[in-house]
């Protein structure tokens, strides 16, 4: 889980800082599109701030690798990654966005989403097994 959180924090941090500081450049590179008005700049910077927040949460959650906090962050990142992949696919198929980086972003978000889902599934499974063992131990002791 620590590796996933580290990778996510670094890459999302870079993209988030880029969107926050130089949204025109980042959108141009990632989407091969231009931000044409102040509302677009505002939305890109706000998204940058939100992505930086996700990066900070992931970075801090590394200290709680096997705890509930880390599982909660990975669960949130599961939704984020799958939603990002879907929105990017929508951009390609319905809005005509084309870029060398957009498909890379789609694949990266889908892969990270699958990785998150796998870790959450294992965490839930292990917690259920631990609870079953504790219940069995209590029954034997009674």
Foldseek 3Di string as FASTA:
>chain_A
DLVLLQVLLVVLLVLLVCLQPPVQVSCCQQFVDGDDDPVSSVVSNVVSVVSNVLSVQSNVCSVVVLDPSNLVSLVVLLVVLVVLLVVLVCCVPPVVTDHPNSVVSNVVSVVSNVVSVVVNVVSVVVVVVVVVVVVVVVVVVD
